[in-house]
Amino acid sequence: MTSETQSIYWHDSAIIDELDEAMGNGAVGVTTNPFLINGTLRARPEFWADKIADVPRNLKGTEKVEA
């Protein structure tokens, strides 16, 4: 379907396995929100552990997102 329309397909999840599949099926990027990011971190904690290890636990809001 995505190859037959002029629509731009952004995948609505940052879960790595889902994103890889979506990109292989025509997605051009990912869009998400805090709820979906939480699901992403919980879906593959071993993948993200070293990437977020240095993020201070006491950050809130925008500071936490940016870190």
N, C-alpha and C. Protein backbone atom coordinates (compact mmCIF):
# COMPACT_ATOMS: atom_id res chain seq x y z
N MET A 1 0.81 -1.19 0.00
CA MET A 1 0.00 0.00 0.00
C MET A 1 0.86 1.27 0.00
N THR A 2 1.92 1.29 0.85
CA THR A 2 2.72 2.51 0.93
C THR A 2 3.48 2.79 -0.35
N SER A 3 3.76 1.76 -1.11
CA SER A 3 4.49 1.98 -2.37
C SER A 3 3.56 2.44 -3.49
N GLU A 4 2.24 2.32 -3.29
CA GLU A 4 1.28 2.67 -4.32
C GLU A 4 0.59 4.01 -4.07
N THR A 5 0.92 4.68 -2.99
CA THR A 5 0.30 5.98 -2.68
C THR A 5 1.40 7.03 -2.55
N GLN A 6 0.99 8.28 -2.52
CA GLN A 6 1.95 9.35 -2.33
C GLN A 6 2.04 9.77 -0.87
N SER A 7 1.48 8.97 0.00
CA SER A 7 1.53 9.26 1.43
C SER A 7 2.95 9.07 1.96
N ILE A 8 3.29 9.82 2.98
CA ILE A 8 4.55 9.63 3.69
C ILE A 8 4.23 8.88 4.97
N TYR A 9 4.89 7.79 5.18
CA TYR A 9 4.61 6.88 6.30
C TYR A 9 5.64 7.06 7.40
N TRP A 10 5.18 7.56 8.56
CA TRP A 10 6.00 7.67 9.76
C TRP A 10 5.50 6.61 10.73
N HIS A 11 6.39 5.79 11.23
CA HIS A 11 6.01 4.73 12.16
C HIS A 11 5.80 5.31 13.55
N ASP A 12 4.78 4.86 14.25
CA ASP A 12 4.41 5.40 15.55
C ASP A 12 4.87 4.49 16.69
N SER A 13 6.13 4.15 16.70
CA SER A 13 6.74 3.36 17.76
C SER A 13 8.24 3.42 17.58
N ALA A 14 8.96 3.46 18.67
CA ALA A 14 10.41 3.44 18.58
C ALA A 14 10.98 2.09 19.00
N ILE A 15 10.14 1.08 19.13
CA ILE A 15 10.64 -0.26 19.45
C ILE A 15 11.48 -0.72 18.26
N ILE A 16 12.73 -1.00 18.51
CA ILE A 16 13.72 -1.23 17.46
C ILE A 16 13.28 -2.27 16.44
N ASP A 17 12.79 -3.42 16.90
CA ASP A 17 12.37 -4.47 15.95
C ASP A 17 11.22 -3.98 15.06
N GLU A 18 10.26 -3.28 15.67
CA GLU A 18 9.14 -2.75 14.89
C GLU A 18 9.61 -1.67 13.92
N LEU A 19 10.51 -0.83 14.38
CA LEU A 19 11.01 0.25 13.54
C LEU A 19 11.80 -0.30 12.36
N ASP A 20 12.63 -1.31 12.59
CA ASP A 20 13.37 -1.93 11.48
C ASP A 20 12.41 -2.47 10.43
N GLU A 21 11.35 -3.15 10.89
CA GLU A 21 10.38 -3.70 9.94
C GLU A 21 9.66 -2.57 9.20
N ALA A 22 9.26 -1.54 9.93
CA ALA A 22 8.55 -0.41 9.30
C ALA A 22 9.42 0.28 8.26
N MET A 23 10.68 0.52 8.60
CA MET A 23 11.58 1.18 7.65
C MET A 23 11.77 0.31 6.40
N GLY A 24 11.79 -0.99 6.58
CA GLY A 24 11.89 -1.91 5.46
C GLY A 24 10.64 -1.95 4.60
N ASN A 25 9.54 -1.46 5.17
CA ASN A 25 8.28 -1.44 4.45
C ASN A 25 7.86 -0.04 4.02
N GLY A 26 8.82 0.89 3.99
CA GLY A 26 8.53 2.20 3.44
C GLY A 26 8.42 3.36 4.40
N ALA A 27 8.51 3.11 5.70
CA ALA A 27 8.46 4.23 6.64
C ALA A 27 9.68 5.13 6.42
N VAL A 28 9.50 6.42 6.61
CA VAL A 28 10.60 7.36 6.41
C VAL A 28 11.16 7.87 7.74
N GLY A 29 10.52 7.53 8.83
CA GLY A 29 10.98 7.98 10.14
C GLY A 29 10.07 7.46 11.23
N VAL A 30 10.28 8.00 12.42
CA VAL A 30 9.50 7.57 13.58
C VAL A 30 8.96 8.80 14.29
N THR A 31 7.76 8.68 14.77
CA THR A 31 7.15 9.71 15.60
C THR A 31 6.67 9.01 16.87
N THR A 32 6.79 9.67 17.99
CA THR A 32 6.44 9.00 19.23
C THR A 32 6.10 10.04 20.30
N ASN A 33 5.81 9.60 21.49
CA ASN A 33 5.48 10.47 22.61
C ASN A 33 5.96 9.80 23.89
N PRO A 34 5.86 10.45 25.04
CA PRO A 34 6.39 9.84 26.28
C PRO A 34 5.82 8.46 26.60
N PHE A 35 4.54 8.26 26.37
CA PHE A 35 3.94 6.95 26.63
C PHE A 35 4.58 5.87 25.77
N LEU A 36 4.77 6.16 24.48
CA LEU A 36 5.37 5.19 23.57
C LEU A 36 6.85 4.98 23.87
N ILE A 37 7.55 6.04 24.26
CA ILE A 37 8.96 5.89 24.65
C ILE A 37 9.08 4.96 25.85
N ASN A 38 8.20 5.11 26.82
CA ASN A 38 8.21 4.22 27.98
C ASN A 38 8.03 2.77 27.53
N GLY A 39 7.12 2.53 26.62
CA GLY A 39 6.93 1.18 26.09
C GLY A 39 8.16 0.67 25.38
N THR A 40 8.83 1.55 24.67
CA THR A 40 10.06 1.20 23.97
C THR A 40 11.15 0.77 24.95
N LEU A 41 11.34 1.56 25.99
CA LEU A 41 12.37 1.23 26.98
C LEU A 41 12.06 -0.08 27.69
N ARG A 42 10.80 -0.34 27.96
CA ARG A 42 10.42 -1.58 28.64
C ARG A 42 10.44 -2.80 27.72
N ALA A 43 10.25 -2.59 26.43
CA ALA A 43 10.23 -3.71 25.48
C ALA A 43 11.61 -4.32 25.28
N ARG A 44 12.66 -3.50 25.31
CA ARG A 44 14.03 -4.00 25.08
C ARG A 44 15.01 -3.33 26.04
N PRO A 45 14.85 -3.54 27.35
CA PRO A 45 15.72 -2.84 28.30
C PRO A 45 17.20 -3.15 28.09
N GLU A 46 17.52 -4.37 27.64
CA GLU A 46 18.93 -4.71 27.43
C GLU A 46 19.54 -3.90 26.29
N PHE A 47 18.74 -3.53 25.31
CA PHE A 47 19.23 -2.71 24.19
C PHE A 47 19.52 -1.28 24.66
N TRP A 48 18.67 -0.74 25.50
CA TRP A 48 18.76 0.66 25.90
C TRP A 48 19.62 0.90 27.14
N ALA A 49 19.92 -0.12 27.93
CA ALA A 49 20.59 0.05 29.22
C ALA A 49 21.84 0.91 29.14
N ASP A 50 22.76 0.59 28.26
CA ASP A 50 24.00 1.37 28.18
C ASP A 50 23.78 2.76 27.58
N LYS A 51 22.72 2.92 26.81
CA LYS A 51 22.44 4.21 26.17
C LYS A 51 21.84 5.21 27.14
N ILE A 52 21.19 4.73 28.19
CA ILE A 52 20.57 5.64 29.15
C ILE A 52 21.23 5.58 30.53
N ALA A 53 22.28 4.80 30.67
CA ALA A 53 22.93 4.61 31.96
C ALA A 53 23.41 5.92 32.58
N ASP A 54 23.85 6.86 31.77
CA ASP A 54 24.39 8.12 32.29
C ASP A 54 23.35 9.22 32.48
N VAL A 55 22.10 8.92 32.21
CA VAL A 55 21.04 9.92 32.39
C VAL A 55 20.72 9.99 33.88
N PRO A 56 20.90 11.16 34.50
CA PRO A 56 20.60 11.29 35.93
C PRO A 56 19.14 10.95 36.22
N ARG A 57 18.90 10.22 37.27
CA ARG A 57 17.56 9.76 37.63
C ARG A 57 16.66 10.89 38.14
N ASN A 58 17.26 11.99 38.61
CA ASN A 58 16.45 13.05 39.22
C ASN A 58 15.95 14.10 38.22
N LEU A 59 16.21 13.92 36.94
CA LEU A 59 15.74 14.87 35.93
C LEU A 59 14.23 14.73 35.73
N LYS A 60 13.61 15.83 35.33
CA LYS A 60 12.18 15.84 35.08
C LYS A 60 11.91 16.51 33.74
N GLY A 61 10.78 16.20 33.16
CA GLY A 61 10.28 16.90 31.98
C GLY A 61 11.25 16.98 30.83
N THR A 62 11.39 18.18 30.27
CA THR A 62 12.22 18.43 29.10
C THR A 62 13.67 18.02 29.32
N GLU A 63 14.20 18.30 30.51
CA GLU A 63 15.60 17.93 30.78
C GLU A 63 15.82 16.42 30.64
N LYS A 64 14.86 15.65 31.13
CA LYS A 64 14.98 14.19 31.05
C LYS A 64 14.88 13.72 29.60
N VAL A 65 13.94 14.28 28.87
CA VAL A 65 13.77 13.91 27.46
C VAL A 65 15.03 14.23 26.67
N GLU A 66 15.58 15.41 26.86
CA GLU A 66 16.77 15.81 26.12
C GLU A 66 17.98 14.96 26.48
N ALA A 67 18.10 14.60 27.74
CA ALA A 67 19.23 13.74 28.18
C ALA A 67 19.10 12.36 27.55
